[in-house]
Protein backbone atom coordinates (compact mmCIF):
# COMPACT_ATOMS: atom_id res chain seq x y z
CA UNK A 1 146.86 125.65 76.52
CA UNK A 2 148.16 125.99 72.95
CA UNK A 3 145.84 127.93 70.67
CA UNK A 4 145.36 124.91 68.38
CA UNK A 5 143.89 122.99 71.31
CA UNK A 6 141.64 125.96 72.09
CA UNK A 7 140.66 126.05 68.42
CA UNK A 8 139.71 122.36 68.41
CA UNK A 9 137.70 122.84 71.59
CA UNK A 10 136.11 126.01 70.21
CA UNK A 11 135.10 124.34 66.97
CA UNK A 12 133.72 121.24 68.72
CA UNK A 13 130.09 122.27 68.21
CA UNK A 14 130.61 122.76 64.49
CA UNK A 15 132.56 119.52 64.22
CA UNK A 16 129.87 117.58 66.04
CA UNK A 17 127.06 119.21 64.06
CA UNK A 18 128.65 118.84 60.63
CA UNK A 19 131.82 116.85 60.15
CA UNK A 20 131.01 114.03 62.56
CA UNK A 21 127.66 113.72 60.77
CA UNK A 22 129.46 113.62 57.43
CA UNK A 23 131.49 110.70 58.82
CA UNK A 24 128.28 108.92 59.77
CA UNK A 25 126.80 109.69 56.38
CA UNK A 26 129.78 108.13 54.63
CA UNK A 27 129.61 105.04 56.83
CA UNK A 28 125.96 104.43 55.99
CA UNK A 29 126.16 104.89 52.22
CA UNK A 30 127.34 101.94 50.18
CA UNK A 31 127.32 103.96 46.96
CA UNK A 32 128.17 107.61 46.39
CA UNK A 33 124.99 108.46 44.54
CA UNK A 34 122.61 111.39 44.29
CA UNK A 35 120.90 110.40 47.54
CA UNK A 36 124.26 110.81 49.27
CA UNK A 37 124.76 114.26 47.75
CA UNK A 38 121.28 115.35 48.79
CA UNK A 39 121.93 114.41 52.41
CA UNK A 40 125.35 116.06 52.32
CA UNK A 41 123.70 119.21 50.97
CA UNK A 42 121.31 119.28 53.93
CA UNK A 43 124.17 118.90 56.42
CA UNK A 44 126.19 121.72 54.87
CA UNK A 45 123.27 124.14 54.78
CA UNK A 46 122.37 123.30 58.39
CA UNK A 47 125.91 124.32 59.42
CA UNK A 48 125.38 127.69 57.68
CA UNK A 49 127.77 127.00 54.85
CA UNK A 50 125.20 128.81 52.71
CA UNK A 51 123.22 127.68 49.66
CA UNK A 52 125.54 129.06 47.00
CA UNK A 53 128.71 127.84 48.65
CA UNK A 54 127.14 124.45 49.34
CA UNK A 55 126.31 124.10 45.65
CA UNK A 56 129.87 125.08 44.77
CA UNK A 57 131.26 122.39 47.09
CA UNK A 58 128.87 119.72 45.84
CA UNK A 59 129.49 120.48 42.17
CA UNK A 60 133.24 120.19 42.71
CA UNK A 61 132.86 116.97 44.70
CA UNK A 62 130.61 115.43 42.04
CA UNK A 63 133.16 116.30 39.38
CA UNK A 64 136.05 114.80 41.32
CA UNK A 65 134.09 111.63 42.13
CA UNK A 66 133.15 111.24 38.48
CA UNK A 67 136.49 112.12 36.90
CA UNK A 68 138.56 110.04 39.33
CA UNK A 69 136.00 107.20 39.43
CA UNK A 70 135.98 107.33 43.21
CA UNK A 71 134.00 104.64 44.96
CA UNK A 72 135.72 104.36 48.33
CA UNK A 73 134.15 106.50 51.06
CA UNK A 74 137.52 107.38 52.58
CA UNK A 75 138.59 108.81 49.23
CA UNK A 76 135.40 110.86 49.07
CA UNK A 77 136.19 112.32 52.47
CA UNK A 78 139.74 113.20 51.42
CA UNK A 79 138.40 114.98 48.35
CA UNK A 80 135.88 116.88 50.48
CA UNK A 81 138.65 118.00 52.85
CA UNK A 82 140.66 119.14 49.85
CA UNK A 83 137.72 121.14 48.50
CA UNK A 84 137.14 122.80 51.88
CA UNK A 85 140.85 123.65 52.11
CA UNK A 86 140.91 125.10 48.60
CA UNK A 87 137.79 127.15 49.27
CA UNK A 88 139.19 128.72 52.43
CA UNK A 89 142.53 129.30 50.73
CA UNK A 90 145.71 130.45 52.37
CA UNK A 91 145.47 132.69 55.41
CA UNK A 92 146.13 136.37 54.84
CA UNK A 93 147.98 138.23 57.55
CA UNK A 94 147.79 141.92 58.33
CA UNK A 95 149.78 144.36 56.20
CA UNK A 96 151.47 146.56 58.79
CA UNK A 97 154.74 147.55 57.16
CA UNK A 98 154.68 151.29 57.88
CA UNK A 99 155.23 153.11 61.17
CA UNK A 100 152.61 153.81 62.17
CA UNK A 101 150.18 151.49 60.43
CA UNK A 102 146.43 151.78 61.02
CA UNK A 103 143.78 149.16 61.81
CA UNK A 104 140.24 150.51 61.45
CA UNK A 105 137.70 148.33 63.30
CA UNK A 106 134.08 148.41 62.14
CA UNK A 107 130.95 146.40 62.94
CA UNK A 108 127.55 146.60 64.61
CA UNK A 109 127.15 146.73 68.38
CA UNK A 110 127.16 143.41 70.18
CA UNK A 111 129.44 141.44 67.85
CA UNK A 112 132.49 141.68 70.11
CA UNK A 113 134.13 144.75 68.61
CA UNK A 114 135.53 146.14 71.86
CA UNK A 115 136.92 142.82 73.08
CA UNK A 116 138.41 142.14 69.64
CA UNK A 117 140.33 145.41 69.78
CA UNK A 118 141.73 144.54 73.20
CA UNK A 119 142.74 141.07 72.09
CA UNK A 120 144.40 142.25 68.88
CA UNK A 121 146.21 144.98 70.80
CA UNK A 122 147.43 142.29 73.19
CA UNK A 123 148.71 140.14 70.32
CA UNK A 124 150.53 143.08 68.75
CA UNK A 125 152.04 144.04 72.10
CA UNK A 126 153.31 140.46 72.48
CA UNK A 127 154.93 140.90 69.06
CA UNK A 128 156.86 143.87 70.49
CA UNK A 129 154.70 146.47 68.72
CA UNK A 130 153.90 149.81 70.35
CA UNK A 131 150.14 150.20 70.06
CA UNK A 132 147.79 153.14 70.54
CA UNK A 133 144.00 152.75 70.48
CA UNK A 134 141.62 155.53 69.41
CA UNK A 135 138.23 155.47 71.19
CA UNK A 136 136.31 156.91 68.24
CA UNK A 137 132.98 155.27 69.12
CA UNK A 138 131.70 158.38 70.87
CA UNK A 139 127.99 157.68 70.33
CA UNK A 140 127.55 154.75 72.70
CA UNK A 141 127.44 155.43 76.42
CA UNK A 142 130.36 153.86 78.30
CA UNK A 143 132.03 152.70 75.05
CA UNK A 144 135.32 154.38 75.93
CA UNK A 145 135.21 153.04 79.49
CA UNK A 146 134.75 149.47 78.26
CA UNK A 147 137.49 149.91 75.70
CA UNK A 148 139.74 151.40 78.37
CA UNK A 149 139.42 148.27 80.51
CA UNK A 150 140.65 146.12 77.61
CA UNK A 151 143.46 148.55 76.84
CA UNK A 152 144.60 148.28 80.45
CA UNK A 153 144.59 144.49 80.18
CA UNK A 154 146.63 144.68 76.99
CA UNK A 155 148.87 147.39 78.50
CA UNK A 156 148.46 149.83 75.61
CA UNK A 157 147.64 153.55 75.49
CA UNK A 158 144.18 154.85 74.59
CA UNK A 159 143.22 158.27 73.21
CA UNK A 160 139.69 159.47 73.95
CA UNK A 161 137.47 162.53 74.19
CA UNK A 162 134.11 163.05 75.84
CA UNK A 163 130.91 161.24 74.91
CA UNK A 164 129.36 162.76 71.77
CA UNK A 165 132.66 164.18 70.51
CA UNK A 166 133.41 164.20 66.80
CA UNK A 167 134.95 160.76 66.01
CA UNK A 168 137.19 162.28 63.34
CA UNK A 169 138.57 164.66 65.97
CA UNK A 170 139.41 161.71 68.22
CA UNK A 171 141.21 160.05 65.32
CA UNK A 172 143.13 163.26 64.59
CA UNK A 173 144.36 163.37 68.20
CA UNK A 174 145.22 159.67 68.12
CA UNK A 175 147.17 160.00 64.86
CA UNK A 176 149.23 162.82 66.35
CA UNK A 177 149.81 160.78 69.49
CA UNK A 178 150.89 157.80 67.40
CA UNK A 179 153.40 159.93 65.52
CA UNK A 180 154.77 161.74 68.56
CA UNK A 181 155.05 158.59 70.69
CA UNK A 182 156.59 156.48 67.94
CA UNK A 183 153.73 153.96 67.82
CA UNK A 184 153.91 151.05 65.41
CA UNK A 185 150.16 150.52 65.13
CA UNK A 186 147.10 152.73 65.66
CA UNK A 187 143.86 150.80 66.21
CA UNK A 188 140.71 152.86 65.65
CA UNK A 189 137.37 151.88 67.18
CA UNK A 190 134.30 153.19 65.34
CA UNK A 191 130.60 153.55 66.10
CA UNK A 192 128.67 150.31 65.89
CA UNK A 193 125.31 151.89 65.22
CA UNK A 194 124.45 154.86 63.03
CA UNK A 195 121.06 155.80 61.67
CA UNK A 196 121.48 154.42 58.17
CA UNK A 197 124.06 153.37 55.61
CA UNK A 198 124.64 156.97 54.51
CA UNK A 199 125.54 157.95 58.09
CA UNK A 200 127.92 155.03 58.23
CA UNK A 201 129.56 155.92 54.92
CA UNK A 202 129.85 159.59 55.85
CA UNK A 203 131.38 158.85 59.25
CA UNK A 204 133.89 156.35 57.89
CA UNK A 205 134.72 158.73 55.05
CA UNK A 206 135.52 161.53 57.55
CA UNK A 207 137.73 159.23 59.59
CA UNK A 208 139.51 157.97 56.48
CA UNK A 209 140.08 161.52 55.26
CA UNK A 210 141.84 162.38 58.52
CA UNK A 211 143.99 159.24 58.35
CA UNK A 212 144.87 159.72 54.67
CA UNK A 213 145.71 163.39 55.21
CA UNK A 214 147.81 162.90 58.34
CA UNK A 215 149.32 159.52 57.41
CA UNK A 216 149.29 159.55 53.59
CA UNK A 217 151.69 156.65 53.10
CA UNK A 218 150.57 154.39 55.93
CA UNK A 219 149.27 150.86 55.57
CA UNK A 220 145.58 150.74 56.52
CA UNK A 221 143.62 147.61 57.38
CA UNK A 222 139.82 147.91 57.62
CA UNK A 223 138.55 144.93 59.59
CA UNK A 224 134.87 144.05 59.98
CA UNK A 225 133.91 142.22 63.18
CA UNK A 226 131.23 139.54 62.79
CA UNK A 227 129.53 137.34 65.38
CA UNK A 228 129.72 133.72 64.15
CA UNK A 229 126.65 132.74 66.18
CA UNK A 230 124.44 134.86 63.90
CA UNK A 231 125.08 132.55 60.94
CA UNK A 232 123.84 133.85 57.61
CA UNK A 233 122.99 137.22 59.19
CA UNK A 234 126.76 137.71 59.44
CA UNK A 235 127.02 137.26 55.67
CA UNK A 236 124.30 139.89 55.18
CA UNK A 237 126.15 142.29 57.50
CA UNK A 238 129.40 141.68 55.64
CA UNK A 239 127.72 142.41 52.33
CA UNK A 240 126.21 145.67 53.63
CA UNK A 241 129.45 146.89 55.20
CA UNK A 242 131.39 145.91 52.07
CA UNK A 243 129.16 148.31 50.14
CA UNK A 244 129.90 151.09 52.64
CA UNK A 245 133.60 150.56 53.30
CA UNK A 246 136.66 149.06 51.68
CA UNK A 247 136.99 145.98 53.90
CA UNK A 248 140.39 144.27 53.84
CA UNK A 249 139.51 141.44 56.21
CA UNK A 250 137.18 139.99 58.82
CA UNK A 251 137.36 139.23 62.52
CA UNK A 252 135.09 136.30 63.33
CA UNK A 253 134.14 136.12 67.01
CA UNK A 254 132.36 133.58 69.22
CA UNK A 255 133.18 130.52 67.12
CA UNK A 256 133.21 128.53 70.35
CA UNK A 257 129.55 129.36 70.98
CA UNK A 258 128.06 128.06 67.76
CA UNK A 259 127.60 124.97 65.59
CA UNK A 260 127.65 127.30 62.58
CA UNK A 261 131.40 127.44 61.96
CA UNK A 262 130.59 126.75 58.32
CA UNK A 263 130.04 130.50 58.11
CA UNK A 264 133.79 130.77 57.39
CA UNK A 265 133.21 128.88 54.14
CA UNK A 266 130.13 130.90 53.30
CA UNK A 267 131.84 134.26 53.76
CA UNK A 268 134.89 133.26 51.74
CA UNK A 269 132.85 131.51 49.04
CA UNK A 270 130.21 134.21 48.57
CA UNK A 271 132.08 137.42 49.36
CA UNK A 272 135.74 136.59 48.82
CA UNK A 273 136.74 138.52 51.97
CA UNK A 274 139.53 136.84 53.96
CA UNK A 275 139.09 136.02 57.63
CA UNK A 276 142.13 137.51 59.40
CA UNK A 277 141.34 136.81 63.07
CA UNK A 278 139.16 134.28 64.87
CA UNK A 279 138.04 134.25 68.47
CA UNK A 280 137.25 131.05 70.38
CA UNK A 281 136.85 132.26 73.95
CA UNK A 282 136.58 135.13 76.42
CA UNK A 283 140.19 135.39 77.57
CA UNK A 284 142.56 138.01 76.20
CA UNK A 285 144.66 135.35 74.42
CA UNK A 286 141.65 133.56 72.88
CA UNK A 287 141.94 135.41 69.58
CA UNK A 288 144.61 134.64 67.01
CA UNK A 289 145.42 135.34 63.37
CA UNK A 290 143.39 132.98 61.20
CA UNK A 291 145.39 129.97 60.03
CA UNK A 292 143.43 128.13 57.34
CA UNK A 293 145.39 124.88 57.68
CA UNK A 294 144.87 124.83 61.46
CA UNK A 295 141.18 125.60 61.01
CA UNK A 296 140.61 122.69 58.62
CA UNK A 297 142.77 120.41 60.75
CA UNK A 298 140.75 121.30 63.86
CA UNK A 299 137.51 120.45 62.09
CA UNK A 300 138.76 117.10 60.76
CA UNK A 301 141.16 116.36 63.65
CA UNK A 302 144.31 115.61 61.74
CA UNK A 303 142.75 113.77 58.81
CA UNK A 304 143.82 116.20 56.10
């Protein structure tokens, strides 16, 4: 199955919960008045688009309806699709121009961090990249074993030490392995739970110091993994991690399990952090680079 078909299927809950209801809303309103905007506001917030982003969308839609003297409901829908497309913006791919380049994966436990690493490693391997994974989450029991299973599926090498080892030491070994084995990309797993934000900042700072010292000119992507099913809690997590680390992009998992796909709009609108990967299933090929045009098209099924 092509990924676009998986994407449409994965976004079905969000489409049914939001965009199909917007269609019904447009069919039942003879005039595009303030009552219409109030009901549209409720639908957007219910889909976890977020209050601030919802207001941004509504203000822009009101302005377009007024300035263009729009009265036809089909024209209103086209303008709404355009606003959603503009808000999401163009997709931003990974910057991996050096050899090796580094992808640092961060996020709390339970969001799909381990599976995301395996799936991204698989994608890179398909693109003919030599990948090494560093199992630097040494605090969680069985973390390296779980990661190892995904690395086997993706057919990539993994560097690990024992449970409780210094994560920065694991990264040091992995960097040296990446250089000696001619790897194109080093993916670094990190602990998903530390005692407080200071612990998180200190641990990430140590890891970054090792990378910057050993690979001073390498491209580094810091990707935060978020679980789409948590809705606005994902926005809160993103805000907290953004304060602790220089995040270059997001990995949004479990979009197929939620009607809250509007979280993509909320994150982009409120935080300005690009979504770089989305996951819509459990299989190893169910994660792909985020394509904004495909995402909007899947939600509106070819109407943009």
